[in-house]
């Protein structure tokens, strides 16, 4: 039997938003969000992809595991 360790496959993990979509983020060493991808409920289709300051503004440090979806432009 082969006793070598096999590196586990890295699965995408994200936060499910209140509207059912899922956000997967990447952070830099300081914990700032540098990249964010929002998927539909099935995680098969990309709905939104943000980088840099736009990603930090939309999905940056917020309390809790679940966050609200960002407001749609013009929705008040």
N, C-alpha and C. Protein backbone atom coordinates (compact mmCIF):
# COMPACT_ATOMS: atom_id res chain seq x y z
N UNK A 1 0.84 -1.19 0.00
CA UNK A 1 0.00 0.00 0.00
C UNK A 1 0.88 1.25 0.00
N UNK A 2 0.53 2.21 -0.78
CA UNK A 2 1.31 3.44 -0.90
C UNK A 2 0.98 4.37 0.27
N UNK A 3 1.97 4.67 1.09
CA UNK A 3 1.77 5.48 2.30
C UNK A 3 2.04 6.97 2.07
N UNK A 4 2.37 7.36 0.84
CA UNK A 4 2.65 8.77 0.58
C UNK A 4 1.41 9.62 0.82
N UNK A 5 1.67 10.80 1.30
CA UNK A 5 0.57 11.73 1.52
C UNK A 5 0.13 12.34 0.20
N UNK A 6 -1.14 12.45 0.04
CA UNK A 6 -1.71 13.08 -1.15
C UNK A 6 -2.26 14.42 -0.72
N UNK A 7 -1.89 15.44 -1.44
CA UNK A 7 -2.37 16.78 -1.12
C UNK A 7 -3.88 16.84 -1.38
N UNK A 8 -4.64 17.27 -0.39
CA UNK A 8 -6.09 17.33 -0.60
C UNK A 8 -6.45 18.35 -1.67
N UNK A 9 -7.49 18.05 -2.41
CA UNK A 9 -7.97 18.96 -3.44
C UNK A 9 -8.59 20.18 -2.78
N UNK A 10 -8.21 21.37 -3.23
CA UNK A 10 -8.72 22.61 -2.66
C UNK A 10 -10.07 22.93 -3.29
N UNK A 11 -11.12 22.85 -2.51
CA UNK A 11 -12.45 23.17 -3.01
C UNK A 11 -12.73 24.66 -2.84
N UNK A 12 -13.53 25.19 -3.73
CA UNK A 12 -13.92 26.59 -3.60
C UNK A 12 -14.86 26.72 -2.41
N UNK A 13 -14.55 27.67 -1.55
CA UNK A 13 -15.41 27.93 -0.41
C UNK A 13 -15.78 29.40 -0.43
N UNK A 14 -17.00 29.66 -0.10
CA UNK A 14 -17.44 31.05 -0.10
C UNK A 14 -18.52 31.27 0.92
N UNK A 15 -19.05 32.47 0.89
CA UNK A 15 -20.13 32.85 1.80
C UNK A 15 -21.43 32.93 1.01
N UNK A 16 -22.46 32.29 1.53
CA UNK A 16 -23.77 32.39 0.89
C UNK A 16 -24.43 33.67 1.34
N UNK A 17 -24.87 34.47 0.38
CA UNK A 17 -25.51 35.74 0.68
C UNK A 17 -27.00 35.54 0.91
N UNK A 18 -27.66 36.56 1.42
CA UNK A 18 -29.08 36.47 1.73
C UNK A 18 -29.94 36.22 0.49
N UNK A 19 -29.44 36.56 -0.70
CA UNK A 19 -30.21 36.31 -1.92
C UNK A 19 -29.92 34.94 -2.52
N UNK A 20 -29.11 34.11 -1.84
CA UNK A 20 -28.83 32.76 -2.30
C UNK A 20 -27.56 32.63 -3.12
N UNK A 21 -27.01 33.75 -3.60
CA UNK A 21 -25.77 33.68 -4.37
C UNK A 21 -24.59 33.43 -3.43
N UNK A 22 -23.45 33.06 -4.00
CA UNK A 22 -22.27 32.72 -3.22
C UNK A 22 -21.11 33.62 -3.64
N UNK A 23 -20.39 34.17 -2.67
CA UNK A 23 -19.23 35.01 -2.94
C UNK A 23 -17.97 34.29 -2.48
N UNK A 24 -17.00 34.18 -3.39
CA UNK A 24 -15.69 33.62 -3.07
C UNK A 24 -14.69 34.76 -3.17
N UNK A 25 -13.94 34.99 -2.08
CA UNK A 25 -13.00 36.11 -2.05
C UNK A 25 -11.58 35.63 -1.83
N UNK A 26 -10.63 36.44 -2.27
CA UNK A 26 -9.21 36.23 -2.00
C UNK A 26 -8.70 37.46 -1.26
N UNK A 27 -7.89 37.24 -0.23
CA UNK A 27 -7.35 38.34 0.55
C UNK A 27 -5.83 38.41 0.41
N UNK A 28 -5.30 39.63 0.64
CA UNK A 28 -3.85 39.79 0.68
C UNK A 28 -3.37 39.49 2.09
N UNK A 29 -2.09 39.68 2.35
CA UNK A 29 -1.51 39.37 3.66
C UNK A 29 -2.08 40.24 4.79
N UNK A 30 -2.61 41.39 4.44
CA UNK A 30 -3.19 42.29 5.45
C UNK A 30 -4.68 42.03 5.68
N UNK A 31 -5.25 41.06 4.98
CA UNK A 31 -6.65 40.72 5.15
C UNK A 31 -7.60 41.52 4.29
N UNK A 32 -7.08 42.36 3.40
CA UNK A 32 -7.95 43.12 2.50
C UNK A 32 -8.38 42.24 1.35
N UNK A 33 -9.64 42.39 0.94
CA UNK A 33 -10.16 41.62 -0.18
C UNK A 33 -9.55 42.16 -1.47
N UNK A 34 -8.91 41.29 -2.23
CA UNK A 34 -8.27 41.70 -3.48
C UNK A 34 -9.02 41.21 -4.71
N UNK A 35 -9.84 40.18 -4.54
CA UNK A 35 -10.55 39.59 -5.66
C UNK A 35 -11.83 38.97 -5.14
N UNK A 36 -12.94 39.19 -5.81
CA UNK A 36 -14.21 38.61 -5.38
C UNK A 36 -14.99 38.15 -6.60
N UNK A 37 -15.53 36.95 -6.51
CA UNK A 37 -16.37 36.41 -7.57
C UNK A 37 -17.70 36.02 -6.95
N UNK A 38 -18.79 36.49 -7.54
CA UNK A 38 -20.13 36.14 -7.06
C UNK A 38 -20.76 35.18 -8.05
N UNK A 39 -21.17 34.01 -7.54
CA UNK A 39 -21.77 32.96 -8.35
C UNK A 39 -23.26 32.87 -8.09
N UNK A 40 -23.98 32.25 -9.04
CA UNK A 40 -25.40 31.99 -8.80
C UNK A 40 -25.53 30.90 -7.74
N UNK A 41 -26.76 30.54 -7.39
CA UNK A 41 -27.00 29.59 -6.31
C UNK A 41 -26.36 28.23 -6.54
N UNK A 42 -26.21 27.81 -7.81
CA UNK A 42 -25.62 26.51 -8.12
C UNK A 42 -24.10 26.55 -8.20
N UNK A 43 -23.52 27.75 -8.14
CA UNK A 43 -22.09 27.99 -8.30
C UNK A 43 -21.57 27.56 -9.67
N UNK A 44 -22.44 27.55 -10.66
CA UNK A 44 -22.05 27.19 -12.02
C UNK A 44 -21.82 28.42 -12.90
N UNK A 45 -22.46 29.52 -12.57
CA UNK A 45 -22.38 30.71 -13.42
C UNK A 45 -21.88 31.90 -12.63
N UNK A 46 -20.89 32.61 -13.19
CA UNK A 46 -20.36 33.82 -12.56
C UNK A 46 -21.31 34.97 -12.85
N UNK A 47 -21.75 35.64 -11.80
CA UNK A 47 -22.63 36.79 -11.94
C UNK A 47 -21.86 38.10 -11.91
N UNK A 48 -20.75 38.12 -11.16
CA UNK A 48 -19.99 39.36 -10.97
C UNK A 48 -18.57 38.99 -10.58
N UNK A 49 -17.61 39.74 -11.09
CA UNK A 49 -16.21 39.55 -10.71
C UNK A 49 -15.60 40.92 -10.48
N UNK A 50 -15.03 41.10 -9.29
CA UNK A 50 -14.45 42.39 -8.92
C UNK A 50 -13.01 42.20 -8.47
N UNK A 51 -12.18 43.23 -8.68
CA UNK A 51 -10.79 43.19 -8.24
C UNK A 51 -10.44 44.50 -7.55
N UNK A 52 -9.42 44.44 -6.73
CA UNK A 52 -8.86 45.63 -6.09
C UNK A 52 -9.83 46.37 -5.19
N UNK A 53 -9.86 47.68 -5.33
CA UNK A 53 -10.67 48.53 -4.47
C UNK A 53 -12.16 48.23 -4.61
N UNK A 54 -12.61 47.87 -5.81
CA UNK A 54 -14.02 47.55 -6.00
C UNK A 54 -14.42 46.31 -5.21
N UNK A 55 -13.54 45.30 -5.18
CA UNK A 55 -13.81 44.08 -4.41
C UNK A 55 -13.82 44.39 -2.92
N UNK A 56 -12.87 45.19 -2.46
CA UNK A 56 -12.80 45.55 -1.04
C UNK A 56 -14.02 46.36 -0.63
N UNK A 57 -14.46 47.28 -1.49
CA UNK A 57 -15.63 48.10 -1.16
C UNK A 57 -16.90 47.26 -1.08
N UNK A 58 -17.04 46.30 -1.97
CA UNK A 58 -18.26 45.50 -2.01
C UNK A 58 -18.28 44.38 -0.97
N UNK A 59 -17.14 43.71 -0.77
CA UNK A 59 -17.12 42.51 0.07
C UNK A 59 -16.03 42.53 1.12
N UNK A 60 -15.52 43.71 1.45
CA UNK A 60 -14.45 43.83 2.44
C UNK A 60 -14.89 43.40 3.83
N UNK A 61 -14.03 43.62 4.79
CA UNK A 61 -14.28 43.17 6.17
C UNK A 61 -15.65 43.60 6.66
N UNK A 62 -16.46 42.60 6.93
CA UNK A 62 -17.78 42.83 7.51
C UNK A 62 -17.99 41.78 8.57
N UNK A 63 -18.75 42.11 9.56
CA UNK A 63 -19.00 41.16 10.63
C UNK A 63 -19.92 40.04 10.20
N UNK A 64 -19.74 38.87 10.80
CA UNK A 64 -20.62 37.73 10.55
C UNK A 64 -20.22 36.93 9.34
N UNK A 65 -20.83 35.75 9.25
CA UNK A 65 -20.54 34.85 8.13
C UNK A 65 -21.41 35.16 6.93
N UNK A 66 -22.60 35.68 7.18
CA UNK A 66 -23.50 35.98 6.07
C UNK A 66 -23.59 37.48 5.91
N UNK A 67 -23.51 37.92 4.68
CA UNK A 67 -23.60 39.35 4.41
C UNK A 67 -24.72 39.59 3.42
N UNK A 68 -25.19 40.79 3.36
CA UNK A 68 -26.22 41.14 2.40
C UNK A 68 -25.57 41.37 1.04
N UNK A 69 -26.35 41.17 0.00
CA UNK A 69 -25.86 41.42 -1.34
C UNK A 69 -25.62 42.91 -1.51
N UNK A 70 -24.64 43.28 -2.32
CA UNK A 70 -24.42 44.69 -2.56
C UNK A 70 -25.63 45.28 -3.28
N UNK A 71 -25.92 46.53 -3.02
CA UNK A 71 -27.06 47.18 -3.64
C UNK A 71 -26.84 47.29 -5.14
N UNK A 72 -27.88 47.03 -5.88
CA UNK A 72 -27.79 47.18 -7.32
C UNK A 72 -27.72 48.67 -7.65
N UNK A 73 -26.96 49.04 -8.68
CA UNK A 73 -26.86 50.46 -9.03
C UNK A 73 -28.25 51.05 -9.31
N UNK A 74 -28.54 52.17 -8.69
CA UNK A 74 -29.80 52.84 -8.90
C UNK A 74 -30.93 52.30 -8.04
N UNK A 75 -30.68 51.30 -7.21
CA UNK A 75 -31.74 50.74 -6.36
C UNK A 75 -31.72 51.45 -5.01
N UNK A 76 -32.71 52.27 -4.78
CA UNK A 76 -32.79 53.00 -3.49
C UNK A 76 -34.08 52.74 -2.82
